């Protein structure tokens, strides 16, 4: 690949097992920070990436689309010399890592989706799209989106904290562009190239977006080696809602 990579990454640990963490639409890499205490730094090397337009990469003016992000992740994996790494993606990040596995399968040993958007995208109705677009610029709209997505035990104070973190880590134009890219459901032939890649999926039992029906209908059929963990009472933000339960499913 030509050009300079535009992925920014932070690495924790120096072990031989490599995991790359890809954040979702409304947060950047610090969303995974609550999982770091579960890391074994002698055994694991965890690489936390910020996509173009997010976090430490907010000033980047790259292509804010699914296709652009996957291209940059592939470029990053080549530059980092990754081989058969485990890739973890939350929500939009879960969509990205699946497309990455098709693009550079030699860089992907296994996939972990945390409430992942299916490969074909996640269609929003007109009302939901309006609210999500408003959430790109409005704190109150973003609060409403997160209230709907979070599990029932999440307090309004916690959600307000998430809104503040989200605004500090994102930029309006990037959110709008990525939204338009992942929120249109594409009718695609199921890609057979994914079938040999192990996939672990962690989902909240109270997630209104990535439901069990959507998982069994749109995600599980792609993979021969598929493992599902449903966390009761958890919504679309499992890491933020209960990191210890996510860690029990993922940190081995």
C-alpha atoms as a PDB file:
ATOM      1  CA  UNK A   1       0.000   0.000   0.000  1.00  0.00           C
ATOM      2  CA  UNK A   2       1.186   3.523  -0.730  1.00  0.00           C
ATOM      3  CA  UNK A   3       1.098   6.610   1.442  1.00  0.00           C
ATOM      4  CA  UNK A   4       1.475   7.227   5.140  1.00  0.00           C
ATOM      5  CA  UNK A   5      -0.804   5.391   7.582  1.00  0.00           C
ATOM      6  CA  UNK A   6      -3.327   7.625   9.297  1.00  0.00           C
ATOM      7  CA  UNK A   7      -4.156   5.266  12.166  1.00  0.00           C
ATOM      8  CA  UNK A   8      -2.963   6.376  15.609  1.00  0.00           C
ATOM      9  CA  UNK A   9      -2.340   3.588  18.104  1.00  0.00           C
ATOM     10  CA  UNK A  10      -1.376   3.092  21.740  1.00  0.00           C
ATOM     11  CA  UNK A  11       0.179  -0.195  22.865  1.00  0.00           C
ATOM     12  CA  UNK A  12      -0.029  -1.762  26.329  1.00  0.00           C
ATOM     13  CA  UNK A  13       1.915  -4.889  27.285  1.00  0.00           C
ATOM     14  CA  UNK A  14       4.730  -6.648  25.461  1.00  0.00           C
ATOM     15  CA  UNK A  15       3.686 -10.291  25.284  1.00  0.00           C
ATOM     16  CA  UNK A  16       3.453 -12.501  22.201  1.00  0.00           C
ATOM     17  CA  UNK A  17      -0.365 -12.567  21.982  1.00  0.00           C
ATOM     18  CA  UNK A  18      -1.455  -9.543  19.970  1.00  0.00           C
ATOM     19  CA  UNK A  19      -4.944  -8.040  20.158  1.00  0.00           C
ATOM     20  CA  UNK A  20      -6.010  -4.955  18.217  1.00  0.00           C
ATOM     21  CA  UNK A  21      -8.979  -3.008  19.610  1.00  0.00           C
ATOM     22  CA  UNK A  22     -11.195  -0.954  17.272  1.00  0.00           C
ATOM     23  CA  UNK A  23     -13.692   1.456  18.828  1.00  0.00           C
ATOM     24  CA  UNK A  24     -17.236   2.225  17.719  1.00  0.00           C
ATOM     25  CA  UNK A  25     -19.028   5.251  16.345  1.00  0.00           C
ATOM     26  CA  UNK A  26     -19.410   7.539  19.382  1.00  0.00           C
ATOM     27  CA  UNK A  27     -16.169   6.843  21.266  1.00  0.00           C
ATOM     28  CA  UNK A  28     -12.451   6.474  20.651  1.00  0.00           C
ATOM     29  CA  UNK A  29      -9.892   4.017  22.064  1.00  0.00           C
ATOM     30  CA  UNK A  30     -10.227   5.089  25.749  1.00  0.00           C
ATOM     31  CA  UNK A  31     -13.601   3.304  25.757  1.00  0.00           C
ATOM     32  CA  UNK A  32     -11.604   0.085  26.300  1.00  0.00           C
ATOM     33  CA  UNK A  33      -9.602   1.487  29.225  1.00  0.00           C
ATOM     34  CA  UNK A  34     -11.633  -0.337  31.870  1.00  0.00           C
ATOM     35  CA  UNK A  35     -10.415  -3.662  30.424  1.00  0.00           C
ATOM     36  CA  UNK A  36      -6.699  -2.897  30.829  1.00  0.00           C
ATOM     37  CA  UNK A  37      -6.573  -4.162  34.469  1.00  0.00           C
ATOM     38  CA  UNK A  38      -7.420  -7.601  33.078  1.00  0.00           C
ATOM     39  CA  UNK A  39      -4.368  -7.576  30.782  1.00  0.00           C
ATOM     40  CA  UNK A  40      -1.397  -9.859  31.442  1.00  0.00           C
ATOM     41  CA  UNK A  41       1.434  -7.646  30.155  1.00  0.00           C
ATOM     42  CA  UNK A  42       3.869 -10.569  30.027  1.00  0.00           C
ATOM     43  CA  UNK A  43       1.582 -12.618  27.799  1.00  0.00           C
ATOM     44  CA  UNK A  44      -0.347  -9.983  25.853  1.00  0.00           C
ATOM     45  CA  UNK A  45       0.239  -6.958  23.665  1.00  0.00           C
ATOM     46  CA  UNK A  46      -2.900  -4.893  23.272  1.00  0.00           C
ATOM     47  CA  UNK A  47      -2.980  -2.264  20.529  1.00  0.00           C
ATOM     48  CA  UNK A  48      -5.692   0.384  20.853  1.00  0.00           C
ATOM     49  CA  UNK A  49      -6.327   2.287  17.636  1.00  0.00           C
ATOM     50  CA  UNK A  50      -7.983   5.633  17.006  1.00  0.00           C
ATOM     51  CA  UNK A  51      -9.665   5.751  13.625  1.00  0.00           C
ATOM     52  CA  UNK A  52      -9.320   8.869  11.463  1.00  0.00           C
ATOM     53  CA  UNK A  53     -11.359  11.642  13.062  1.00  0.00           C
ATOM     54  CA  UNK A  54     -11.314  10.197  16.598  1.00  0.00           C
ATOM     55  CA  UNK A  55      -9.365  10.667  19.827  1.00  0.00           C
ATOM     56  CA  UNK A  56      -5.667  11.235  19.294  1.00  0.00           C
ATOM     57  CA  UNK A  57      -6.486  11.126  15.577  1.00  0.00           C
ATOM     58  CA  UNK A  58      -9.183  13.833  15.624  1.00  0.00           C
ATOM     59  CA  UNK A  59      -7.228  16.254  13.475  1.00  0.00           C
ATOM     60  CA  UNK A  60      -6.830  13.780  10.657  1.00  0.00           C
ATOM     61  CA  UNK A  61      -8.801  14.658   7.540  1.00  0.00           C
ATOM     62  CA  UNK A  62      -8.988  11.184   6.045  1.00  0.00           C
ATOM     63  CA  UNK A  63     -11.925   9.487   4.381  1.00  0.00           C
ATOM     64  CA  UNK A  64     -14.551   9.025   7.104  1.00  0.00           C
ATOM     65  CA  UNK A  65     -16.260   5.951   5.660  1.00  0.00           C
ATOM     66  CA  UNK A  66     -16.309   2.222   6.322  1.00  0.00           C
ATOM     67  CA  UNK A  67     -14.247   1.657   3.178  1.00  0.00           C
ATOM     68  CA  UNK A  68     -11.731   4.328   4.130  1.00  0.00           C
ATOM     69  CA  UNK A  69     -11.342   3.069   7.701  1.00  0.00           C
ATOM     70  CA  UNK A  70     -10.853  -0.531   6.556  1.00  0.00           C
ATOM     71  CA  UNK A  71      -8.229   0.571   4.065  1.00  0.00           C
ATOM     72  CA  UNK A  72      -6.340   2.440   6.793  1.00  0.00           C
ATOM     73  CA  UNK A  73      -6.598  -0.472   9.235  1.00  0.00           C
ATOM     74  CA  UNK A  74      -5.162  -2.760   6.558  1.00  0.00           C
ATOM     75  CA  UNK A  75      -2.343  -0.284   5.932  1.00  0.00           C
ATOM     76  CA  UNK A  76      -1.695  -0.083   9.674  1.00  0.00           C
ATOM     77  CA  UNK A  77      -1.601  -3.864  10.020  1.00  0.00           C
ATOM     78  CA  UNK A  78       0.951  -4.077   7.219  1.00  0.00           C
ATOM     79  CA  UNK A  79       3.134  -1.335   8.696  1.00  0.00           C
ATOM     80  CA  UNK A  80       2.963  -2.946  12.156  1.00  0.00           C
ATOM     81  CA  UNK A  81       3.828  -6.350  10.707  1.00  0.00           C
ATOM     82  CA  UNK A  82       0.827  -7.995  12.339  1.00  0.00           C
ATOM     83  CA  UNK A  83       0.253 -11.657  11.599  1.00  0.00           C
ATOM     84  CA  UNK A  84      -2.794 -13.626  12.697  1.00  0.00           C
ATOM     85  CA  UNK A  85      -3.687 -11.078  15.386  1.00  0.00           C
ATOM     86  CA  UNK A  86      -6.948 -11.105  17.292  1.00  0.00           C
ATOM     87  CA  UNK A  87      -9.093  -8.125  16.290  1.00  0.00           C
ATOM     88  CA  UNK A  88     -11.773  -6.805  18.645  1.00  0.00           C
ATOM     89  CA  UNK A  89     -14.345  -4.293  17.465  1.00  0.00           C
ATOM     90  CA  UNK A  90     -17.249  -2.603  19.204  1.00  0.00           C
ATOM     91  CA  UNK A  91     -20.387  -1.711  17.216  1.00  0.00           C
ATOM     92  CA  UNK A  92     -19.130   0.083  14.084  1.00  0.00           C
ATOM     93  CA  UNK A  93     -15.680  -1.293  14.906  1.00  0.00           C
ATOM     94  CA  UNK A  94     -17.163  -4.787  14.759  1.00  0.00           C
ATOM     95  CA  UNK A  95     -18.295  -4.087  11.206  1.00  0.00           C
ATOM     96  CA  UNK A  96     -14.841  -2.791  10.285  1.00  0.00           C
ATOM     97  CA  UNK A  97     -12.909  -5.813  11.540  1.00  0.00           C
ATOM     98  CA  UNK A  98     -15.106  -8.183   9.542  1.00  0.00           C
ATOM     99  CA  UNK A  99     -14.381  -6.278   6.336  1.00  0.00           C
ATOM    100  CA  UNK A 100     -10.708  -6.154   7.320  1.00  0.00           C
ATOM    101  CA  UNK A 101     -10.655  -9.958   7.563  1.00  0.00           C
ATOM    102  CA  UNK A 102     -11.818 -10.160   3.959  1.00  0.00           C
ATOM    103  CA  UNK A 103      -9.271  -7.599   2.804  1.00  0.00           C
ATOM    104  CA  UNK A 104      -6.146  -8.931   4.588  1.00  0.00           C
ATOM    105  CA  UNK A 105      -6.958 -12.399   5.974  1.00  0.00           C
ATOM    106  CA  UNK A 106      -3.286 -13.065   6.670  1.00  0.00           C
ATOM    107  CA  UNK A 107      -3.379 -10.317   9.323  1.00  0.00           C
ATOM    108  CA  UNK A 108      -6.385 -11.782  11.140  1.00  0.00           C
ATOM    109  CA  UNK A 109      -6.244 -14.869  13.331  1.00  0.00           C
ATOM    110  CA  UNK A 110      -9.620 -14.402  15.010  1.00  0.00           C
ATOM    111  CA  UNK A 111     -12.379 -11.844  15.434  1.00  0.00           C
ATOM    112  CA  UNK A 112     -14.247 -10.617  18.486  1.00  0.00           C
ATOM    113  CA  UNK A 113     -17.353  -8.522  18.012  1.00  0.00           C
ATOM    114  CA  UNK A 114     -18.757  -6.569  20.940  1.00  0.00           C
ATOM    115  CA  UNK A 115     -22.306  -5.666  19.902  1.00  0.00           C
ATOM    116  CA  UNK A 116     -21.016  -5.594  16.309  1.00  0.00           C
ATOM    117  CA  UNK A 117     -22.823  -4.046  13.371  1.00  0.00           C
ATOM    118  CA  UNK A 118     -23.387  -6.794  10.751  1.00  0.00           C
ATOM    119  CA  UNK A 119     -21.200  -6.806   7.632  1.00  0.00           C
ATOM    120  CA  UNK A 120     -24.001  -5.445   5.482  1.00  0.00           C
ATOM    121  CA  UNK A 121     -24.590  -2.441   7.753  1.00  0.00           C
ATOM    122  CA  UNK A 122     -27.492  -1.584  10.032  1.00  0.00           C
ATOM    123  CA  UNK A 123     -30.378   0.244   8.398  1.00  0.00           C
ATOM    124  CA  UNK A 124     -31.995   3.072  10.368  1.00  0.00           C
ATOM    125  CA  UNK A 125     -35.529   4.222   9.762  1.00  0.00           C
ATOM    126  CA  UNK A 126     -36.075   7.882   8.907  1.00  0.00           C
ATOM    127  CA  UNK A 127     -36.838   8.928  12.485  1.00  0.00           C
ATOM    128  CA  UNK A 128     -33.835   7.120  13.948  1.00  0.00           C
ATOM    129  CA  UNK A 129     -31.562   8.545  11.258  1.00  0.00           C
ATOM    130  CA  UNK A 130     -32.778  12.040  12.092  1.00  0.00           C
ATOM    131  CA  UNK A 131     -32.022  11.542  15.790  1.00  0.00           C
ATOM    132  CA  UNK A 132     -28.604  10.015  15.108  1.00  0.00           C
ATOM    133  CA  UNK A 133     -27.666  12.853  12.786  1.00  0.00           C
ATOM    134  CA  UNK A 134     -28.787  15.368  15.404  1.00  0.00           C
ATOM    135  CA  UNK A 135     -26.637  13.527  17.946  1.00  0.00           C
ATOM    136  CA  UNK A 136     -23.550  14.419  15.903  1.00  0.00           C
ATOM    137  CA  UNK A 137     -23.915  18.032  17.038  1.00  0.00           C
ATOM    138  CA  UNK A 138     -26.299  18.087  20.022  1.00  0.00           C
ATOM    139  CA  UNK A 139     -25.464  16.884  23.541  1.00  0.00           C
ATOM    140  CA  UNK A 140     -29.138  16.335  24.337  1.00  0.00           C
ATOM    141  CA  UNK A 141     -29.686  14.245  21.220  1.00  0.00           C
ATOM    142  CA  UNK A 142     -26.570  12.210  21.967  1.00  0.00           C
ATOM    143  CA  UNK A 143     -27.867  11.684  25.496  1.00  0.00           C
ATOM    144  CA  UNK A 144     -31.180  10.405  24.087  1.00  0.00           C
ATOM    145  CA  UNK A 145     -29.364   7.987  21.781  1.00  0.00           C
ATOM    146  CA  UNK A 146     -27.265   6.614  24.637  1.00  0.00           C
ATOM    147  CA  UNK A 147     -30.262   6.326  26.965  1.00  0.00           C
ATOM    148  CA  UNK A 148     -31.941   4.131  24.375  1.00  0.00           C
ATOM    149  CA  UNK A 149     -28.838   2.013  23.785  1.00  0.00           C
ATOM    150  CA  UNK A 150     -27.734   1.515  27.389  1.00  0.00           C
ATOM    151  CA  UNK A 151     -28.961  -1.233  29.661  1.00  0.00           C
ATOM    152  CA  UNK A 152     -31.734  -0.517  32.194  1.00  0.00           C
ATOM    153  CA  UNK A 153     -29.388  -0.364  35.194  1.00  0.00           C
ATOM    154  CA  UNK A 154     -27.349   2.525  33.752  1.00  0.00           C
ATOM    155  CA  UNK A 155     -27.927   5.792  35.607  1.00  0.00           C
ATOM    156  CA  UNK A 156     -28.615   9.105  33.904  1.00  0.00           C
ATOM    157  CA  UNK A 157     -25.502  10.506  35.604  1.00  0.00           C
ATOM    158  CA  UNK A 158     -23.351   7.795  34.026  1.00  0.00           C
ATOM    159  CA  UNK A 159     -24.841   8.479  30.617  1.00  0.00           C
ATOM    160  CA  UNK A 160     -24.131  12.215  31.011  1.00  0.00           C
ATOM    161  CA  UNK A 161     -20.512  11.276  31.699  1.00  0.00           C
ATOM    162  CA  UNK A 162     -20.435   9.187  28.523  1.00  0.00           C
ATOM    163  CA  UNK A 163     -21.829  12.113  26.536  1.00  0.00           C
ATOM    164  CA  UNK A 164     -19.031  14.357  27.789  1.00  0.00           C
ATOM    165  CA  UNK A 165     -16.402  11.754  26.944  1.00  0.00           C
ATOM    166  CA  UNK A 166     -17.921  11.258  23.512  1.00  0.00           C
ATOM    167  CA  UNK A 167     -17.848  14.968  22.675  1.00  0.00           C
ATOM    168  CA  UNK A 168     -14.230  15.255  23.803  1.00  0.00           C
ATOM    169  CA  UNK A 169     -13.166  12.352  21.561  1.00  0.00           C
ATOM    170  CA  UNK A 170     -15.116  12.943  18.335  1.00  0.00           C
ATOM    171  CA  UNK A 171     -15.755  15.554  15.671  1.00  0.00           C
ATOM    172  CA  UNK A 172     -18.997  16.408  13.933  1.00  0.00           C
ATOM    173  CA  UNK A 173     -17.982  15.896  10.313  1.00  0.00           C
ATOM    174  CA  UNK A 174     -16.435  12.497  11.021  1.00  0.00           C
ATOM    175  CA  UNK A 175     -19.510  11.277  12.890  1.00  0.00           C
ATOM    176  CA  UNK A 176     -21.861  12.389  10.134  1.00  0.00           C
ATOM    177  CA  UNK A 177     -19.809  10.756   7.399  1.00  0.00           C
ATOM    178  CA  UNK A 178     -19.263   7.466   9.220  1.00  0.00           C
ATOM    179  CA  UNK A 179     -22.972   7.364  10.106  1.00  0.00           C
ATOM    180  CA  UNK A 180     -23.967   7.653   6.466  1.00  0.00           C
ATOM    181  CA  UNK A 181     -21.545   4.831   5.652  1.00  0.00           C
ATOM    182  CA  UNK A 182     -22.563   2.171   8.205  1.00  0.00           C
ATOM    183  CA  UNK A 183     -26.278   2.923   8.601  1.00  0.00           C
ATOM    184  CA  UNK A 184     -27.371   1.811   5.146  1.00  0.00           C
ATOM    185  CA  UNK A 185     -28.022  -1.905   4.911  1.00  0.00           C
ATOM    186  CA  UNK A 186     -26.417  -3.440   1.845  1.00  0.00           C
ATOM    187  CA  UNK A 187     -27.787  -6.555   0.217  1.00  0.00           C
ATOM    188  CA  UNK A 188     -24.657  -8.642  -0.234  1.00  0.00           C
ATOM    189  CA  UNK A 189     -23.844 -12.230  -1.045  1.00  0.00           C
ATOM    190  CA  UNK A 190     -22.558 -13.824   2.157  1.00  0.00           C
ATOM    191  CA  UNK A 191     -18.747 -13.746   1.858  1.00  0.00           C
ATOM    192  CA  UNK A 192     -17.443 -17.290   2.115  1.00  0.00           C
ATOM    193  CA  UNK A 193     -13.935 -16.030   2.901  1.00  0.00           C
ATOM    194  CA  UNK A 194     -14.895 -15.454   6.514  1.00  0.00           C
ATOM    195  CA  UNK A 195     -16.072 -18.973   7.289  1.00  0.00           C
ATOM    196  CA  UNK A 196     -12.709 -20.297   8.493  1.00  0.00           C
ATOM    197  CA  UNK A 197     -12.048 -17.377  10.869  1.00  0.00           C
ATOM    198  CA  UNK A 198     -13.148 -17.946  14.499  1.00  0.00           C
ATOM    199  CA  UNK A 199     -15.638 -15.348  15.693  1.00  0.00           C
ATOM    200  CA  UNK A 200     -16.578 -14.645  19.312  1.00  0.00           C
ATOM    201  CA  UNK A 201     -19.547 -12.333  19.774  1.00  0.00           C
ATOM    202  CA  UNK A 202     -20.408 -10.581  23.036  1.00  0.00           C
ATOM    203  CA  UNK A 203     -23.801  -8.894  23.116  1.00  0.00           C
ATOM    204  CA  UNK A 204     -26.059  -7.362  25.704  1.00  0.00           C
ATOM    205  CA  UNK A 205     -29.335  -9.105  26.348  1.00  0.00           C
ATOM    206  CA  UNK A 206     -30.992  -5.676  26.558  1.00  0.00           C
ATOM    207  CA  UNK A 207     -29.383  -4.281  23.395  1.00  0.00           C
ATOM    208  CA  UNK A 208     -32.142  -2.825  21.175  1.00  0.00           C
ATOM    209  CA  UNK A 209     -29.871  -2.708  18.121  1.00  0.00           C
ATOM    210  CA  UNK A 210     -27.857  -5.939  18.005  1.00  0.00           C
ATOM    211  CA  UNK A 211     -30.576  -8.356  19.018  1.00  0.00           C
ATOM    212  CA  UNK A 212     -30.327 -12.133  19.179  1.00  0.00           C
ATOM    213  CA  UNK A 213     -32.470 -12.408  16.045  1.00  0.00           C
ATOM    214  CA  UNK A 214     -30.118 -10.085  14.165  1.00  0.00           C
ATOM    215  CA  UNK A 215     -27.103 -12.049  15.398  1.00  0.00           C
ATOM    216  CA  UNK A 216     -28.476 -15.433  14.358  1.00  0.00           C
ATOM    217  CA  UNK A 217     -29.815 -14.111  11.064  1.00  0.00           C
ATOM    218  CA  UNK A 218     -27.074 -11.767   9.846  1.00  0.00           C
ATOM    219  CA  UNK A 219     -23.818 -12.603  11.632  1.00  0.00           C
ATOM    220  CA  UNK A 220     -23.637 -16.212  12.831  1.00  0.00           C
ATOM    221  CA  UNK A 221     -24.233 -17.749   9.364  1.00  0.00           C
ATOM    222  CA  UNK A 222     -20.977 -16.214   8.096  1.00  0.00           C
ATOM    223  CA  UNK A 223     -18.779 -18.214  10.451  1.00  0.00           C
ATOM    224  CA  UNK A 224     -18.142 -21.918  10.885  1.00  0.00           C
ATOM    225  CA  UNK A 225     -16.509 -21.349  14.288  1.00  0.00           C
ATOM    226  CA  UNK A 226     -18.921 -19.033  16.114  1.00  0.00           C
ATOM    227  CA  UNK A 227     -19.210 -18.489  19.870  1.00  0.00           C
ATOM    228  CA  UNK A 228     -21.911 -16.309  21.423  1.00  0.00           C
ATOM    229  CA  UNK A 229     -21.960 -14.695  24.877  1.00  0.00           C
ATOM    230  CA  UNK A 230     -25.165 -12.896  25.871  1.00  0.00           C
ATOM    231  CA  UNK A 231     -24.847 -10.647  28.936  1.00  0.00           C
ATOM    232  CA  UNK A 232     -28.220 -10.343  30.640  1.00  0.00           C
ATOM    233  CA  UNK A 233     -29.304  -6.817  31.546  1.00  0.00           C
ATOM    234  CA  UNK A 234     -26.593  -5.196  29.431  1.00  0.00           C
ATOM    235  CA  UNK A 235     -27.291  -2.900  26.485  1.00  0.00           C
ATOM    236  CA  UNK A 236     -25.262  -1.846  23.459  1.00  0.00           C
ATOM    237  CA  UNK A 237     -22.279  -0.631  25.503  1.00  0.00           C
ATOM    238  CA  UNK A 238     -21.039  -3.758  27.328  1.00  0.00           C
ATOM    239  CA  UNK A 239     -17.516  -2.499  28.088  1.00  0.00           C
ATOM    240  CA  UNK A 240     -18.750   0.703  29.685  1.00  0.00           C
ATOM    241  CA  UNK A 241     -21.660  -1.008  31.432  1.00  0.00           C
ATOM    242  CA  UNK A 242     -19.829  -3.972  32.980  1.00  0.00           C
ATOM    243  CA  UNK A 243     -16.193  -4.432  31.991  1.00  0.00           C
ATOM    244  CA  UNK A 244     -15.662  -7.416  34.289  1.00  0.00           C
ATOM    245  CA  UNK A 245     -18.337  -9.480  32.528  1.00  0.00           C
ATOM    246  CA  UNK A 246     -16.867  -8.617  29.147  1.00  0.00           C
ATOM    247  CA  UNK A 247     -13.416  -9.564  30.427  1.00  0.00           C
ATOM    248  CA  UNK A 248     -14.629 -12.969  31.602  1.00  0.00           C
ATOM    249  CA  UNK A 249     -15.816 -13.651  28.058  1.00  0.00           C
ATOM    250  CA  UNK A 250     -12.785 -12.260  26.242  1.00  0.00           C
ATOM    251  CA  UNK A 251      -9.663 -12.103  28.396  1.00  0.00           C
ATOM    252  CA  UNK A 252      -8.232 -15.595  28.460  1.00  0.00           C
END
